[in-house]
Amino acid sequence: MTRAWFGPCPHCQGPLSYLEGVAGSTLSPSCPFCHAPVTVSRATFLMRDHSRPSQPRRSPAPPTKP
């Protein structure tokens, strides 16, 4: 049975899609961000999660005048 869920990488906290039971699944997938192995209990394929908008980037604060 195929199942998907979303969560962060336990190492770099990058947003991931965990796809369990799909073609290409392994028991030792690597994070697509930091390439560290991720421990899983079922054969899983990891993808970067682009389904949700990322945090907006802050613009740098204007310099203060002395």
N, C-alpha and C. Protein backbone atom coordinates (compact mmCIF):
# COMPACT_ATOMS: atom_id res chain seq x y z
N MET A 1 0.84 -1.17 0.00
CA MET A 1 0.00 0.00 0.00
C MET A 1 0.89 1.24 0.00
N THR A 2 0.53 2.20 -0.81
CA THR A 2 1.29 3.45 -0.93
C THR A 2 0.75 4.47 0.06
N ARG A 3 1.68 5.21 0.68
CA ARG A 3 1.29 6.23 1.65
C ARG A 3 2.26 7.39 1.53
N ALA A 4 1.80 8.59 1.74
CA ALA A 4 2.67 9.77 1.70
C ALA A 4 2.41 10.63 2.92
N TRP A 5 3.47 11.24 3.42
CA TRP A 5 3.33 12.20 4.51
C TRP A 5 4.45 13.22 4.39
N PHE A 6 4.29 14.34 5.06
CA PHE A 6 5.24 15.43 4.98
C PHE A 6 5.89 15.63 6.34
N GLY A 7 7.18 15.91 6.32
CA GLY A 7 7.91 16.15 7.56
C GLY A 7 9.29 16.68 7.26
N PRO A 8 9.98 17.16 8.28
CA PRO A 8 11.32 17.69 8.07
C PRO A 8 12.38 16.59 8.07
N CYS A 9 13.52 16.90 7.49
CA CYS A 9 14.67 16.01 7.59
C CYS A 9 15.14 16.05 9.04
N PRO A 10 15.45 14.91 9.65
CA PRO A 10 15.90 14.93 11.05
C PRO A 10 17.28 15.57 11.22
N HIS A 11 18.01 15.78 10.13
CA HIS A 11 19.36 16.35 10.22
C HIS A 11 19.37 17.86 9.93
N CYS A 12 18.84 18.24 8.75
CA CYS A 12 18.93 19.64 8.33
C CYS A 12 17.61 20.39 8.43
N GLN A 13 16.51 19.70 8.81
CA GLN A 13 15.17 20.27 8.95
C GLN A 13 14.58 20.75 7.62
N GLY A 14 15.14 20.30 6.49
CA GLY A 14 14.58 20.65 5.19
C GLY A 14 13.22 19.99 5.01
N PRO A 15 12.27 20.66 4.34
CA PRO A 15 10.94 20.08 4.15
C PRO A 15 10.98 18.91 3.15
N LEU A 16 10.44 17.75 3.57
CA LEU A 16 10.47 16.55 2.74
C LEU A 16 9.10 15.93 2.57
N SER A 17 8.92 15.25 1.44
CA SER A 17 7.76 14.39 1.21
C SER A 17 8.27 12.97 1.37
N TYR A 18 7.68 12.22 2.30
CA TYR A 18 8.04 10.83 2.53
C TYR A 18 7.03 9.97 1.78
N LEU A 19 7.46 9.27 0.73
CA LEU A 19 6.58 8.45 -0.09
C LEU A 19 6.90 6.99 0.19
N GLU A 20 6.00 6.32 0.89
CA GLU A 20 6.22 4.93 1.29
C GLU A 20 5.56 3.99 0.29
N GLY A 21 6.31 2.96 -0.13
CA GLY A 21 5.76 1.93 -0.98
C GLY A 21 5.70 2.26 -2.45
N VAL A 22 6.39 3.30 -2.91
CA VAL A 22 6.39 3.64 -4.33
C VAL A 22 7.64 3.05 -4.98
N ALA A 23 7.65 3.02 -6.30
CA ALA A 23 8.81 2.51 -7.04
C ALA A 23 10.04 3.35 -6.68
N GLY A 24 11.15 2.70 -6.46
CA GLY A 24 12.38 3.39 -6.08
C GLY A 24 12.55 3.56 -4.59
N SER A 25 11.63 3.03 -3.79
CA SER A 25 11.71 3.13 -2.34
C SER A 25 12.84 2.25 -1.81
N THR A 26 13.52 2.73 -0.75
CA THR A 26 14.55 1.93 -0.09
C THR A 26 14.38 2.06 1.42
N LEU A 27 15.06 1.21 2.15
CA LEU A 27 15.03 1.28 3.62
C LEU A 27 16.10 2.23 4.16
N SER A 28 16.92 2.78 3.28
CA SER A 28 17.95 3.73 3.71
C SER A 28 18.01 4.91 2.73
N PRO A 29 16.93 5.69 2.64
CA PRO A 29 16.94 6.82 1.70
C PRO A 29 17.85 7.94 2.20
N SER A 30 18.32 8.76 1.28
CA SER A 30 19.15 9.92 1.63
C SER A 30 18.34 11.19 1.45
N CYS A 31 18.60 12.15 2.31
CA CYS A 31 17.93 13.45 2.22
C CYS A 31 18.41 14.16 0.96
N PRO A 32 17.49 14.69 0.15
CA PRO A 32 17.93 15.41 -1.05
C PRO A 32 18.59 16.76 -0.74
N PHE A 33 18.46 17.25 0.49
CA PHE A 33 19.11 18.50 0.86
C PHE A 33 20.54 18.28 1.36
N CYS A 34 20.67 17.48 2.42
CA CYS A 34 21.99 17.31 3.06
C CYS A 34 22.65 15.97 2.73
N HIS A 35 21.95 15.09 2.02
CA HIS A 35 22.45 13.79 1.57
C HIS A 35 22.78 12.82 2.72
N ALA A 36 22.32 13.14 3.92
CA ALA A 36 22.51 12.24 5.06
C ALA A 36 21.46 11.13 4.99
N PRO A 37 21.81 9.91 5.41
CA PRO A 37 20.80 8.84 5.42
C PRO A 37 19.73 9.11 6.48
N VAL A 38 18.49 8.81 6.12
CA VAL A 38 17.35 9.03 7.01
C VAL A 38 16.82 7.67 7.43
N THR A 39 16.65 7.45 8.73
CA THR A 39 16.14 6.19 9.25
C THR A 39 14.63 6.13 9.08
N VAL A 40 14.16 5.06 8.42
CA VAL A 40 12.72 4.87 8.21
C VAL A 40 12.37 3.43 8.55
N SER A 41 11.09 3.17 8.84
CA SER A 41 10.67 1.82 9.20
C SER A 41 10.09 1.06 8.00
N ARG A 42 9.71 1.77 6.93
CA ARG A 42 9.18 1.15 5.71
C ARG A 42 9.97 1.68 4.52
N ALA A 43 9.99 0.92 3.43
CA ALA A 43 10.67 1.36 2.22
C ALA A 43 10.10 2.71 1.80
N THR A 44 10.97 3.71 1.69
CA THR A 44 10.54 5.09 1.48
C THR A 44 11.36 5.77 0.41
N PHE A 45 10.72 6.64 -0.35
CA PHE A 45 11.39 7.50 -1.32
C PHE A 45 11.23 8.92 -0.81
N LEU A 46 12.32 9.68 -0.73
CA LEU A 46 12.27 11.05 -0.22
C LEU A 46 12.35 12.06 -1.35
N MET A 47 11.53 13.08 -1.27
CA MET A 47 11.56 14.17 -2.24
C MET A 47 11.52 15.50 -1.49
N ARG A 48 12.11 16.52 -2.11
CA ARG A 48 11.96 17.87 -1.56
C ARG A 48 10.49 18.24 -1.61
N ASP A 49 9.99 18.88 -0.57
CA ASP A 49 8.58 19.25 -0.49
C ASP A 49 8.40 20.65 -1.04
N HIS A 50 7.80 20.74 -2.25
CA HIS A 50 7.52 22.03 -2.87
C HIS A 50 6.03 22.34 -2.82
N SER A 51 5.26 21.58 -2.05
CA SER A 51 3.81 21.75 -2.04
C SER A 51 3.35 22.93 -1.19
N ARG A 52 4.21 23.40 -0.32
CA ARG A 52 3.84 24.52 0.52
C ARG A 52 4.83 25.66 0.30
N PRO A 53 4.38 26.91 0.39
CA PRO A 53 5.32 28.02 0.19
C PRO A 53 6.36 28.05 1.30
N SER A 54 7.55 28.44 0.94
CA SER A 54 8.62 28.55 1.93
C SER A 54 8.43 29.81 2.74
N GLN A 55 9.20 29.93 3.80
CA GLN A 55 9.14 31.11 4.64
C GLN A 55 9.59 32.32 3.81
N PRO A 56 8.90 33.46 3.91
CA PRO A 56 9.33 34.63 3.13
C PRO A 56 10.70 35.09 3.61
N ARG A 57 11.51 35.49 2.67
CA ARG A 57 12.85 35.98 3.02
C ARG A 57 12.72 37.39 3.59
N ARG A 58 13.47 37.62 4.64
CA ARG A 58 13.46 38.95 5.25
C ARG A 58 14.41 39.85 4.47
N SER A 59 13.99 41.07 4.24
CA SER A 59 14.89 42.02 3.59
C SER A 59 15.84 42.54 4.67
N PRO A 60 17.06 42.86 4.29
CA PRO A 60 18.00 43.35 5.30
C PRO A 60 17.52 44.66 5.89
N ALA A 61 17.81 44.85 7.15
CA ALA A 61 17.41 46.09 7.84
C ALA A 61 18.18 47.26 7.25
N PRO A 62 17.55 48.41 7.11
CA PRO A 62 18.26 49.56 6.57
C PRO A 62 19.35 49.98 7.56
N PRO A 63 20.45 50.49 7.05
CA PRO A 63 21.54 50.90 7.97
C PRO A 63 21.08 52.08 8.84
N THR A 64 21.55 52.09 10.06
CA THR A 64 21.21 53.16 10.98
C THR A 64 22.21 54.29 10.84
N LYS A 65 21.72 55.50 10.99
CA LYS A 65 22.61 56.66 10.88
C LYS A 65 23.24 56.94 12.24
N PRO A 66 24.53 57.20 12.24
CA PRO A 66 25.19 57.46 13.55
C PRO A 66 24.82 58.77 14.15
